[in-house]
Amino acid sequence: MYEVLSTKAFVNTTSGDFSRAVRMEGANSVQVEFTVYSVSGTPTTTTLEVQESNDLENWTTYPSTSYSGTNTVSTSVGCTSFRASSISSQYVRLRWKVSANTAVVGAGINTALL
């Protein structure tokens, strides 16, 4: 099931930001696509991480070594996608953060049983 998590979210370096939680509903893999529309200053690296939880309170970042594809955009603007598989939790969310300055980010997630 595909869900849009952000159309144009403002992200700053001091806090980053989180998407709302997505229920996995029996799925064990996610495909994430994201676009960095603009940044204030360069160079800026924008990173998206998948976090998982069973209770919506205690979140764990999905191991970065398990991503298929790239979960960063290293230029001023751009788009990319990545997959995270073997997820055993009931919920996932995205955390986006920038290495410097600020960014405007859009993201969507597709859950699937693989």
PDB file of N, CA and C in Angstrom:
ATOM      1  N   MET A   1       0.832  -1.157   0.000  1.00  0.00           N
ATOM      2  CA  MET A   1       0.000   0.000   0.000  1.00  0.00           C
ATOM      3  C   MET A   1       0.891   1.239   0.000  1.00  0.00           C
ATOM      4  N   TYR A   2       0.622   2.170  -0.891  1.00  0.00           N
ATOM      5  CA  TYR A   2       1.416   3.389  -1.001  1.00  0.00           C
ATOM      6  C   TYR A   2       0.780   4.512  -0.191  1.00  0.00           C
ATOM      7  N   GLU A   3       1.616   5.242   0.539  1.00  0.00           N
ATOM      8  CA  GLU A   3       1.136   6.393   1.299  1.00  0.00           C
ATOM      9  C   GLU A   3       2.101   7.557   1.134  1.00  0.00           C
ATOM     10  N   VAL A   4       1.552   8.739   0.924  1.00  0.00           N
ATOM     11  CA  VAL A   4       2.348   9.956   0.874  1.00  0.00           C
ATOM     12  C   VAL A   4       2.563  10.411   2.319  1.00  0.00           C
ATOM     13  N   LEU A   5       3.825  10.595   2.703  1.00  0.00           N
ATOM     14  CA  LEU A   5       4.129  11.005   4.065  1.00  0.00           C
ATOM     15  C   LEU A   5       4.479  12.480   4.174  1.00  0.00           C
ATOM     16  N   SER A   6       4.889  13.071   3.081  1.00  0.00           N
ATOM     17  CA  SER A   6       5.195  14.495   3.078  1.00  0.00           C
ATOM     18  C   SER A   6       5.159  14.994   1.643  1.00  0.00           C
ATOM     19  N   THR A   7       4.520  16.131   1.431  1.00  0.00           N
ATOM     20  CA  THR A   7       4.586  16.738   0.111  1.00  0.00           C
ATOM     21  C   THR A   7       5.701  17.773   0.069  1.00  0.00           C
ATOM     22  N   LYS A   8       5.806  18.600   1.086  1.00  0.00           N
ATOM     23  CA  LYS A   8       6.898  19.570   1.178  1.00  0.00           C
ATOM     24  C   LYS A   8       7.112  19.932   2.648  1.00  0.00           C
ATOM     25  N   ALA A   9       7.890  19.110   3.332  1.00  0.00           N
ATOM     26  CA  ALA A   9       8.175  19.326   4.750  1.00  0.00           C
ATOM     27  C   ALA A   9       9.459  20.132   4.901  1.00  0.00           C
ATOM     28  N   PHE A  10       9.452  21.090   5.811  1.00  0.00           N
ATOM     29  CA  PHE A  10      10.631  21.894   6.119  1.00  0.00           C
ATOM     30  C   PHE A  10      11.447  21.153   7.172  1.00  0.00           C
ATOM     31  N   VAL A  11      12.732  20.931   6.903  1.00  0.00           N
ATOM     32  CA  VAL A  11      13.607  20.200   7.820  1.00  0.00           C
ATOM     33  C   VAL A  11      14.794  21.088   8.164  1.00  0.00           C
ATOM     34  N   ASN A  12      15.146  21.180   9.464  1.00  0.00           N
ATOM     35  CA  ASN A  12      16.340  21.935   9.840  1.00  0.00           C
ATOM     36  C   ASN A  12      17.336  21.022  10.530  1.00  0.00           C
ATOM     37  N   THR A  13      18.558  21.499  10.671  1.00  0.00           N
ATOM     38  CA  THR A  13      19.636  20.657  11.197  1.00  0.00           C
ATOM     39  C   THR A  13      19.537  20.417  12.686  1.00  0.00           C
ATOM     40  N   THR A  14      18.912  21.304  13.418  1.00  0.00           N
ATOM     41  CA  THR A  14      18.918  21.161  14.867  1.00  0.00           C
ATOM     42  C   THR A  14      18.049  20.017  15.359  1.00  0.00           C
ATOM     43  N   SER A  15      16.981  19.697  14.640  1.00  0.00           N
ATOM     44  CA  SER A  15      16.077  18.672  15.146  1.00  0.00           C
ATOM     45  C   SER A  15      15.761  17.566  14.158  1.00  0.00           C
ATOM     46  N   GLY A  16      15.866  17.815  12.864  1.00  0.00           N
ATOM     47  CA  GLY A  16      15.361  16.839  11.909  1.00  0.00           C
ATOM     48  C   GLY A  16      13.850  16.792  12.028  1.00  0.00           C
ATOM     49  N   ASP A  17      13.226  15.781  11.465  1.00  0.00           N
ATOM     50  CA  ASP A  17      11.774  15.661  11.563  1.00  0.00           C
ATOM     51  C   ASP A  17      11.365  14.226  11.321  1.00  0.00           C
ATOM     52  N   PHE A  18      10.153  13.884  11.732  1.00  0.00           N
ATOM     53  CA  PHE A  18       9.626  12.532  11.606  1.00  0.00           C
ATOM     54  C   PHE A  18       8.315  12.559  10.839  1.00  0.00           C
ATOM     55  N   SER A  19       8.046  11.498  10.106  1.00  0.00           N
ATOM     56  CA  SER A  19       6.746  11.349   9.460  1.00  0.00           C
ATOM     57  C   SER A  19       5.770  10.742  10.460  1.00  0.00           C
ATOM     58  N   ARG A  20       4.542  10.646  10.058  1.00  0.00           N
ATOM     59  CA  ARG A  20       3.573   9.916  10.879  1.00  0.00           C
ATOM     60  C   ARG A  20       3.867   8.423  10.742  1.00  0.00           C
ATOM     61  N   ALA A  21       3.338   7.631  11.639  1.00  0.00           N
ATOM     62  CA  ALA A  21       3.550   6.189  11.612  1.00  0.00           C
ATOM     63  C   ALA A  21       2.696   5.539  10.532  1.00  0.00           C
ATOM     64  N   VAL A  22       3.232   4.491   9.933  1.00  0.00           N
ATOM     65  CA  VAL A  22       2.521   3.706   8.924  1.00  0.00           C
ATOM     66  C   VAL A  22       2.392   2.281   9.455  1.00  0.00           C
ATOM     67  N   ARG A  23       1.186   1.772   9.470  1.00  0.00           N
ATOM     68  CA  ARG A  23       0.940   0.401   9.930  1.00  0.00           C
ATOM     69  C   ARG A  23       1.385  -0.567   8.838  1.00  0.00           C
ATOM     70  N   MET A  24       2.155  -1.579   9.216  1.00  0.00           N
ATOM     71  CA  MET A  24       2.687  -2.530   8.245  1.00  0.00           C
ATOM     72  C   MET A  24       1.619  -3.530   7.762  1.00  0.00           C
ATOM     73  N   GLU A  25       0.629  -3.832   8.569  1.00  0.00           N
ATOM     74  CA  GLU A  25      -0.482  -4.719   8.196  1.00  0.00           C
ATOM     75  C   GLU A  25      -0.016  -5.993   7.504  1.00  0.00           C
ATOM     76  N   GLY A  26       0.952  -6.679   8.113  1.00  0.00           N
ATOM     77  CA  GLY A  26       1.426  -7.945   7.575  1.00  0.00           C
ATOM     78  C   GLY A  26       2.562  -7.823   6.577  1.00  0.00           C
ATOM     79  N   ALA A  27       2.912  -6.620   6.169  1.00  0.00           N
ATOM     80  CA  ALA A  27       4.023  -6.428   5.234  1.00  0.00           C
ATOM     81  C   ALA A  27       5.349  -6.542   5.998  1.00  0.00           C
ATOM     82  N   ASN A  28       6.418  -6.832   5.268  1.00  0.00           N
ATOM     83  CA  ASN A  28       7.733  -6.937   5.896  1.00  0.00           C
ATOM     84  C   ASN A  28       8.814  -6.155   5.151  1.00  0.00           C
ATOM     85  N   SER A  29       8.406  -5.311   4.205  1.00  0.00           N
ATOM     86  CA  SER A  29       9.354  -4.547   3.409  1.00  0.00           C
ATOM     87  C   SER A  29       8.731  -3.210   3.033  1.00  0.00           C
ATOM     88  N   VAL A  30       9.593  -2.186   2.886  1.00  0.00           N
ATOM     89  CA  VAL A  30       9.121  -0.885   2.433  1.00  0.00           C
ATOM     90  C   VAL A  30      10.012  -0.379   1.310  1.00  0.00           C
ATOM     91  N   GLN A  31       9.411   0.290   0.365  1.00  0.00           N
ATOM     92  CA  GLN A  31      10.121   1.017  -0.690  1.00  0.00           C
ATOM     93  C   GLN A  31       9.847   2.486  -0.435  1.00  0.00           C
ATOM     94  N   VAL A  32      10.898   3.267  -0.257  1.00  0.00           N
ATOM     95  CA  VAL A  32      10.768   4.680   0.055  1.00  0.00           C
ATOM     96  C   VAL A  32      11.289   5.497  -1.121  1.00  0.00           C
ATOM     97  N   GLU A  33      10.535   6.519  -1.478  1.00  0.00           N
ATOM     98  CA  GLU A  33      11.013   7.460  -2.480  1.00  0.00           C
ATOM     99  C   GLU A  33      10.961   8.844  -1.860  1.00  0.00           C
ATOM    100  N   PHE A  34      12.013   9.634  -2.125  1.00  0.00           N
ATOM    101  CA  PHE A  34      11.984  10.987  -1.579  1.00  0.00           C
ATOM    102  C   PHE A  34      12.675  11.965  -2.506  1.00  0.00           C
ATOM    103  N   THR A  35      12.218  13.201  -2.384  1.00  0.00           N
ATOM    104  CA  THR A  35      12.714  14.288  -3.212  1.00  0.00           C
ATOM    105  C   THR A  35      13.108  15.449  -2.317  1.00  0.00           C
ATOM    106  N   VAL A  36      14.277  16.005  -2.576  1.00  0.00           N
ATOM    107  CA  VAL A  36      14.698  17.237  -1.921  1.00  0.00           C
ATOM    108  C   VAL A  36      14.422  18.353  -2.914  1.00  0.00           C
ATOM    109  N   TYR A  37      13.470  19.218  -2.584  1.00  0.00           N
ATOM    110  CA  TYR A  37      13.063  20.290  -3.485  1.00  0.00           C
ATOM    111  C   TYR A  37      14.001  21.484  -3.438  1.00  0.00           C
ATOM    112  N   SER A  38      14.459  21.839  -2.248  1.00  0.00           N
ATOM    113  CA  SER A  38      15.355  22.975  -2.135  1.00  0.00           C
ATOM    114  C   SER A  38      16.117  22.888  -0.819  1.00  0.00           C
ATOM    115  N   VAL A  39      17.269  23.559  -0.779  1.00  0.00           N
ATOM    116  CA  VAL A  39      18.055  23.676   0.440  1.00  0.00           C
ATOM    117  C   VAL A  39      18.521  25.117   0.573  1.00  0.00           C
ATOM    118  N   SER A  40      18.827  25.522   1.806  1.00  0.00           N
ATOM    119  CA  SER A  40      19.353  26.875   2.013  1.00  0.00           C
ATOM    120  C   SER A  40      20.848  26.760   2.275  1.00  0.00           C
ATOM    121  N   GLY A  41      21.630  26.820   1.227  1.00  0.00           N
ATOM    122  CA  GLY A  41      23.072  26.698   1.345  1.00  0.00           C
ATOM    123  C   GLY A  41      23.549  25.339   0.867  1.00  0.00           C
ATOM    124  N   THR A  42      24.785  25.269   0.440  1.00  0.00           N
ATOM    125  CA  THR A  42      25.359  24.007  -0.030  1.00  0.00           C
ATOM    126  C   THR A  42      26.776  23.880   0.511  1.00  0.00           C
ATOM    127  N   PRO A  43      27.381  22.725   0.594  1.00  0.00           N
ATOM    128  CA  PRO A  43      26.759  21.448   0.285  1.00  0.00           C
ATOM    129  C   PRO A  43      25.908  20.947   1.460  1.00  0.00           C
ATOM    130  N   THR A  44      24.846  20.303   1.145  1.00  0.00           N
ATOM    131  CA  THR A  44      23.950  19.732   2.141  1.00  0.00           C
ATOM    132  C   THR A  44      23.647  18.295   1.765  1.00  0.00           C
ATOM    133  N   THR A  45      23.733  17.379   2.724  1.00  0.00           N
ATOM    134  CA  THR A  45      23.337  15.999   2.525  1.00  0.00           C
ATOM    135  C   THR A  45      22.034  15.779   3.271  1.00  0.00           C
ATOM    136  N   THR A  46      21.014  15.317   2.573  1.00  0.00           N
ATOM    137  CA  THR A  46      19.728  15.018   3.196  1.00  0.00           C
ATOM    138  C   THR A  46      19.595  13.502   3.300  1.00  0.00           C
ATOM    139  N   THR A  47      19.282  13.005   4.491  1.00  0.00           N
ATOM    140  CA  THR A  47      19.206  11.574   4.745  1.00  0.00           C
ATOM    141  C   THR A  47      17.825  11.209   5.259  1.00  0.00           C
ATOM    142  N   LEU A  48      17.268  10.113   4.742  1.00  0.00           N
ATOM    143  CA  LEU A  48      16.041   9.541   5.271  1.00  0.00           C
ATOM    144  C   LEU A  48      16.378   8.210   5.910  1.00  0.00           C
ATOM    145  N   GLU A  49      15.837   7.978   7.092  1.00  0.00           N
ATOM    146  CA  GLU A  49      16.016   6.708   7.788  1.00  0.00           C
ATOM    147  C   GLU A  49      14.639   6.102   8.054  1.00  0.00           C
ATOM    148  N   VAL A  50      14.564   4.789   8.002  1.00  0.00           N
ATOM    149  CA  VAL A  50      13.358   4.074   8.386  1.00  0.00           C
ATOM    150  C   VAL A  50      13.495   3.715   9.858  1.00  0.00           C
ATOM    151  N   GLN A  51      12.468   4.014  10.627  1.00  0.00           N
ATOM    152  CA  GLN A  51      12.432   3.607  12.020  1.00  0.00           C
ATOM    153  C   GLN A  51      11.258   2.671  12.214  1.00  0.00           C
ATOM    154  N   GLU A  52      11.402   1.713  13.147  1.00  0.00           N
ATOM    155  CA  GLU A  52      10.336   0.742  13.381  1.00  0.00           C
ATOM    156  C   GLU A  52       9.973   0.678  14.853  1.00  0.00           C
ATOM    157  N   SER A  53       8.705   0.262  15.109  1.00  0.00           N
ATOM    158  CA  SER A  53       8.195   0.205  16.473  1.00  0.00           C
ATOM    159  C   SER A  53       7.033  -0.779  16.541  1.00  0.00           C
ATOM    160  N   ASN A  54       6.819  -1.335  17.723  1.00  0.00           N
ATOM    161  CA  ASN A  54       5.651  -2.179  17.954  1.00  0.00           C
ATOM    162  C   ASN A  54       4.603  -1.485  18.808  1.00  0.00           C
ATOM    163  N   ASP A  55       4.980  -0.376  19.481  1.00  0.00           N
ATOM    164  CA  ASP A  55       4.055   0.271  20.404  1.00  0.00           C
ATOM    165  C   ASP A  55       3.850   1.770  20.141  1.00  0.00           C
ATOM    166  N   LEU A  56       4.408   2.299  19.065  1.00  0.00           N
ATOM    167  CA  LEU A  56       4.303   3.710  18.692  1.00  0.00           C
ATOM    168  C   LEU A  56       4.987   4.658  19.674  1.00  0.00           C
ATOM    169  N   GLU A  57       5.766   4.126  20.627  1.00  0.00           N
ATOM    170  CA  GLU A  57       6.485   4.971  21.565  1.00  0.00           C
ATOM    171  C   GLU A  57       7.984   4.737  21.535  1.00  0.00           C
ATOM    172  N   ASN A  58       8.406   3.513  21.400  1.00  0.00           N
ATOM    173  CA  ASN A  58       9.820   3.157  21.391  1.00  0.00           C
ATOM    174  C   ASN A  58      10.239   2.849  19.960  1.00  0.00           C
ATOM    175  N   TRP A  59      11.007   3.758  19.364  1.00  0.00           N
ATOM    176  CA  TRP A  59      11.399   3.651  17.963  1.00  0.00           C
ATOM    177  C   TRP A  59      12.858   3.268  17.846  1.00  0.00           C
ATOM    178  N   THR A  60      13.147   2.377  16.898  1.00  0.00           N
ATOM    179  CA  THR A  60      14.508   1.932  16.612  1.00  0.00           C
ATOM    180  C   THR A  60      14.807   2.219  15.152  1.00  0.00           C
ATOM    181  N   THR A  61      15.976   2.783  14.887  1.00  0.00           N
ATOM    182  CA  THR A  61      16.368   3.035  13.507  1.00  0.00           C
ATOM    183  C   THR A  61      16.739   1.724  12.844  1.00  0.00           C
ATOM    184  N   TYR A  62      16.151   1.494  11.677  1.00  0.00           N
ATOM    185  CA  TYR A  62      16.434   0.300  10.899  1.00  0.00           C
ATOM    186  C   TYR A  62      17.919   0.300  10.565  1.00  0.00           C
ATOM    187  N   PRO A  63      18.593  -0.851  10.647  1.00  0.00           N
ATOM    188  CA  PRO A  63      20.047  -0.881  10.381  1.00  0.00           C
ATOM    189  C   PRO A  63      20.406  -0.307   9.015  1.00  0.00           C
ATOM    190  N   SER A  64      21.276   0.696   9.003  1.00  0.00           N
ATOM    191  CA  SER A  64      21.626   1.359   7.752  1.00  0.00           C
ATOM    192  C   SER A  64      22.356   0.444   6.786  1.00  0.00           C
ATOM    193  N   THR A  65      22.966  -0.626   7.273  1.00  0.00           N
ATOM    194  CA  THR A  65      23.657  -1.565   6.385  1.00  0.00           C
ATOM    195  C   THR A  65      22.673  -2.439   5.621  1.00  0.00           C
ATOM    196  N   SER A  66      21.402  -2.409   5.995  1.00  0.00           N
ATOM    197  CA  SER A  66      20.412  -3.277   5.360  1.00  0.00           C
ATOM    198  C   SER A  66      19.615  -2.587   4.261  1.00  0.00           C
ATOM    199  N   TYR A  67      19.899  -1.317   3.978  1.00  0.00           N
ATOM    200  CA  TYR A  67      19.179  -0.613   2.927  1.00  0.00           C
ATOM    201  C   TYR A  67      19.628  -1.112   1.559  1.00  0.00           C
ATOM    202  N   SER A  68      18.685  -1.235   0.659  1.00  0.00           N
ATOM    203  CA  SER A  68      18.989  -1.532  -0.734  1.00  0.00           C
ATOM    204  C   SER A  68      18.763  -0.245  -1.511  1.00  0.00           C
ATOM    205  N   GLY A  69      19.789   0.292  -2.113  1.00  0.00           N
ATOM    206  CA  GLY A  69      19.712   1.604  -2.746  1.00  0.00           C
ATOM    207  C   GLY A  69      20.362   2.616  -1.826  1.00  0.00           C
ATOM    208  N   THR A  70      20.112   3.872  -2.055  1.00  0.00           N
ATOM    209  CA  THR A  70      20.724   4.902  -1.217  1.00  0.00           C
ATOM    210  C   THR A  70      19.656   5.706  -0.498  1.00  0.00           C
ATOM    211  N   ASN A  71      19.886   5.994   0.769  1.00  0.00           N
ATOM    212  CA  ASN A  71      18.928   6.768   1.541  1.00  0.00           C
ATOM    213  C   ASN A  71      19.410   8.195   1.766  1.00  0.00           C
ATOM    214  N   THR A  72      20.320   8.681   0.896  1.00  0.00           N
ATOM    215  CA  THR A  72      20.795  10.057   0.996  1.00  0.00           C
ATOM    216  C   THR A  72      20.762  10.744  -0.365  1.00  0.00           C
ATOM    217  N   VAL A  73      20.581  12.043  -0.340  1.00  0.00           N
ATOM    218  CA  VAL A  73      20.764  12.890  -1.517  1.00  0.00           C
ATOM    219  C   VAL A  73      21.895  13.841  -1.149  1.00  0.00           C
ATOM    220  N   SER A  74      23.014  13.751  -1.837  1.00  0.00           N
ATOM    221  CA  SER A  74      24.212  14.488  -1.457  1.00  0.00           C
ATOM    222  C   SER A  74      24.372  15.814  -2.186  1.00  0.00           C
ATOM    223  N   THR A  75      23.461  16.163  -3.033  1.00  0.00           N
ATOM    224  CA  THR A  75      23.559  17.426  -3.751  1.00  0.00           C
ATOM    225  C   THR A  75      22.506  18.388  -3.225  1.00  0.00           C
ATOM    226  N   SER A  76      22.447  19.553  -3.807  1.00  0.00           N
ATOM    227  CA  SER A  76      21.488  20.553  -3.347  1.00  0.00           C
ATOM    228  C   SER A  76      20.053  20.059  -3.454  1.00  0.00           C
ATOM    229  N   VAL A  77      19.682  19.539  -4.602  1.00  0.00           N
ATOM    230  CA  VAL A  77      18.339  19.006  -4.808  1.00  0.00           C
ATOM    231  C   VAL A  77      18.462  17.701  -5.570  1.00  0.00           C
ATOM    232  N   GLY A  78      17.422  16.891  -5.497  1.00  0.00           N
ATOM    233  CA  GLY A  78      17.441  15.631  -6.216  1.00  0.00           C
ATOM    234  C   GLY A  78      16.430  14.664  -5.648  1.00  0.00           C
ATOM    235  N   CYS A  79      16.382  13.479  -6.240  1.00  0.00           N
ATOM    236  CA  CYS A  79      15.458  12.459  -5.761  1.00  0.00           C
ATOM    237  C   CYS A  79      16.148  11.104  -5.794  1.00  0.00           C
ATOM    238  N   THR A  80      15.658  10.198  -4.970  1.00  0.00           N
ATOM    239  CA  THR A  80      16.194   8.844  -4.911  1.00  0.00           C
ATOM    240  C   THR A  80      15.158   7.928  -4.280  1.00  0.00           C
ATOM    241  N   SER A  81      15.453   6.644  -4.273  1.00  0.00           N
ATOM    242  CA  SER A  81      14.583   5.677  -3.603  1.00  0.00           C
ATOM    243  C   SER A  81      15.453   4.582  -3.005  1.00  0.00           C
ATOM    244  N   PHE A  82      14.906   3.911  -2.016  1.00  0.00           N
ATOM    245  CA  PHE A  82      15.608   2.795  -1.396  1.00  0.00           C
ATOM    246  C   PHE A  82      14.594   1.829  -0.811  1.00  0.00           C
ATOM    247  N   ARG A  83      15.068   0.626  -0.497  1.00  0.00           N
ATOM    248  CA  ARG A  83      14.207  -0.411   0.067  1.00  0.00           C
ATOM    249  C   ARG A  83      14.795  -0.886   1.384  1.00  0.00           C
ATOM    250  N   ALA A  84      13.934  -1.155   2.334  1.00  0.00           N
ATOM    251  CA  ALA A  84      14.311  -1.780   3.593  1.00  0.00           C
ATOM    252  C   ALA A  84      13.447  -3.024   3.741  1.00  0.00           C
ATOM    253  N   SER A  85      14.075  -4.179   3.918  1.00  0.00           N
ATOM    254  CA  SER A  85      13.318  -5.435   3.987  1.00  0.00           C
ATOM    255  C   SER A  85      13.573  -6.144   5.312  1.00  0.00           C
ATOM    256  N   SER A  86      12.850  -7.233   5.529  1.00  0.00           N
ATOM    257  CA  SER A  86      12.925  -8.024   6.759  1.00  0.00           C
ATOM    258  C   SER A  86      12.551  -7.211   7.986  1.00  0.00           C
ATOM    259  N   ILE A  87      11.535  -6.387   7.853  1.00  0.00           N
ATOM    260  CA  ILE A  87      11.025  -5.591   8.973  1.00  0.00           C
ATOM    261  C   ILE A  87      10.037  -6.442   9.747  1.00  0.00           C
ATOM    262  N   SER A  88      10.237  -6.566  11.049  1.00  0.00           N
ATOM    263  CA  SER A  88       9.382  -7.423  11.857  1.00  0.00           C
ATOM    264  C   SER A  88       8.469  -6.643  12.797  1.00  0.00           C
ATOM    265  N   SER A  89       8.479  -5.331  12.716  1.00  0.00           N
ATOM    266  CA  SER A  89       7.663  -4.501  13.607  1.00  0.00           C
ATOM    267  C   SER A  89       6.308  -4.190  12.984  1.00  0.00           C
ATOM    268  N   GLN A  90       5.372  -3.726  13.812  1.00  0.00           N
ATOM    269  CA  GLN A  90       4.020  -3.408  13.357  1.00  0.00           C
ATOM    270  C   GLN A  90       3.918  -2.045  12.680  1.00  0.00           C
ATOM    271  N   TYR A  91       4.849  -1.126  13.009  1.00  0.00           N
ATOM    272  CA  TYR A  91       4.780   0.229  12.482  1.00  0.00           C
ATOM    273  C   TYR A  91       6.156   0.683  11.985  1.00  0.00           C
ATOM    274  N   VAL A  92       6.148   1.549  10.996  1.00  0.00           N
ATOM    275  CA  VAL A  92       7.373   2.213  10.541  1.00  0.00           C
ATOM    276  C   VAL A  92       7.075   3.701  10.399  1.00  0.00           C
ATOM    277  N   ARG A  93       8.125   4.487  10.441  1.00  0.00           N
ATOM    278  CA  ARG A  93       8.041   5.916  10.150  1.00  0.00           C
ATOM    279  C   ARG A  93       9.374   6.327   9.532  1.00  0.00           C
ATOM    280  N   LEU A  94       9.395   7.509   8.951  1.00  0.00           N
ATOM    281  CA  LEU A  94      10.618   8.043   8.371  1.00  0.00           C
ATOM    282  C   LEU A  94      11.165   9.168   9.237  1.00  0.00           C
ATOM    283  N   ARG A  95      12.472   9.232   9.312  1.00  0.00           N
ATOM    284  CA  ARG A  95      13.133  10.377   9.939  1.00  0.00           C
ATOM    285  C   ARG A  95      14.010  11.001   8.879  1.00  0.00           C
ATOM    286  N   TRP A  96      13.785  12.274   8.589  1.00  0.00           N
ATOM    287  CA  TRP A  96      14.645  12.961   7.644  1.00  0.00           C
ATOM    288  C   TRP A  96      15.437  14.009   8.389  1.00  0.00           C
ATOM    289  N   LYS A  97      16.710  14.148   7.963  1.00  0.00           N
ATOM    290  CA  LYS A  97      17.595  15.130   8.579  1.00  0.00           C
ATOM    291  C   LYS A  97      18.570  15.637   7.531  1.00  0.00           C
ATOM    292  N   VAL A  98      19.099  16.823   7.780  1.00  0.00           N
ATOM    293  CA  VAL A  98      20.056  17.431   6.861  1.00  0.00           C
ATOM    294  C   VAL A  98      21.367  17.669   7.600  1.00  0.00           C
ATOM    295  N   SER A  99      22.465  17.638   6.856  1.00  0.00           N
ATOM    296  CA  SER A  99      23.786  17.793   7.469  1.00  0.00           C
ATOM    297  C   SER A  99      24.111  19.245   7.800  1.00  0.00           C
ATOM    298  N   ALA A 100      23.506  20.164   7.084  1.00  0.00           N
ATOM    299  CA  ALA A 100      23.737  21.593   7.329  1.00  0.00           C
ATOM    300  C   ALA A 100      22.567  22.372   6.749  1.00  0.00           C
ATOM    301  N   ASN A 101      22.319  23.543   7.303  1.00  0.00           N
ATOM    302  CA  ASN A 101      21.295  24.442   6.770  1.00  0.00           C
ATOM    303  C   ASN A 101      19.890  23.859   6.909  1.00  0.00           C
ATOM    304  N   THR A 102      19.036  24.057   5.922  1.00  0.00           N
ATOM    305  CA  THR A 102      17.665  23.553   5.945  1.00  0.00           C
ATOM    306  C   THR A 102      17.314  22.979   4.577  1.00  0.00           C
ATOM    307  N   ALA A 103      16.229  22.197   4.537  1.00  0.00           N
ATOM    308  CA  ALA A 103      15.792  21.597   3.271  1.00  0.00           C
ATOM    309  C   ALA A 103      14.272  21.483   3.254  1.00  0.00           C
ATOM    310  N   VAL A 104      13.726  21.357   2.056  1.00  0.00           N
ATOM    311  CA  VAL A 104      12.305  21.081   1.861  1.00  0.00           C
ATOM    312  C   VAL A 104      12.229  19.703   1.199  1.00  0.00           C
ATOM    313  N   VAL A 105      11.517  18.777   1.844  1.00  0.00           N
ATOM    314  CA  VAL A 105      11.557  17.366   1.460  1.00  0.00           C
ATOM    315  C   VAL A 105      10.149  16.820   1.247  1.00  0.00           C
ATOM    316  N   GLY A 106       9.991  15.971   0.230  1.00  0.00           N
ATOM    317  CA  GLY A 106       8.774  15.218   0.012  1.00  0.00           C
ATOM    318  C   GLY A 106       9.101  13.728   0.038  1.00  0.00           C
ATOM    319  N   ALA A 107       8.185  12.906   0.591  1.00  0.00           N
ATOM    320  CA  ALA A 107       8.482  11.476   0.694  1.00  0.00           C
ATOM    321  C   ALA A 107       7.204  10.649   0.637  1.00  0.00           C
ATOM    322  N   GLY A 108       7.338   9.446   0.105  1.00  0.00           N
ATOM    323  CA  GLY A 108       6.260   8.465   0.079  1.00  0.00           C
ATOM    324  C   GLY A 108       6.819   7.094   0.394  1.00  0.00           C
ATOM    325  N   ILE A 109       5.934   6.205   0.856  1.00  0.00           N
ATOM    326  CA  ILE A 109       6.377   4.873   1.250  1.00  0.00           C
ATOM    327  C   ILE A 109       5.388   3.828   0.718  1.00  0.00           C
ATOM    328  N   ASN A 110       5.910   2.740   0.263  1.00  0.00           N
ATOM    329  CA  ASN A 110       5.103   1.638  -0.238  1.00  0.00           C
ATOM    330  C   ASN A 110       5.443   0.406   0.573  1.00  0.00           C
ATOM    331  N   THR A 111       4.453  -0.205   1.231  1.00  0.00           N
ATOM    332  CA  THR A 111       4.687  -1.410   2.020  1.00  0.00           C
ATOM    333  C   THR A 111       4.328  -2.635   1.190  1.00  0.00           C
ATOM    334  N   ALA A 112       5.063  -3.744   1.430  1.00  0.00           N
ATOM    335  CA  ALA A 112       4.795  -4.966   0.686  1.00  0.00           C
ATOM    336  C   ALA A 112       5.256  -6.184   1.488  1.00  0.00           C
ATOM    337  N   LEU A 113       4.647  -7.316   1.202  1.00  0.00           N
ATOM    338  CA  LEU A 113       5.054  -8.587   1.779  1.00  0.00           C
ATOM    339  C   LEU A 113       5.923  -9.285   0.747  1.00  0.00           C
ATOM    340  N   LEU A 114       7.202  -9.457   1.070  1.00  0.00           N
ATOM    341  CA  LEU A 114       8.138 -10.111   0.146  1.00  0.00           C
ATOM    342  C   LEU A 114       8.574 -11.455   0.678  1.00  0.00           C
TER     343      LEU A 114
END
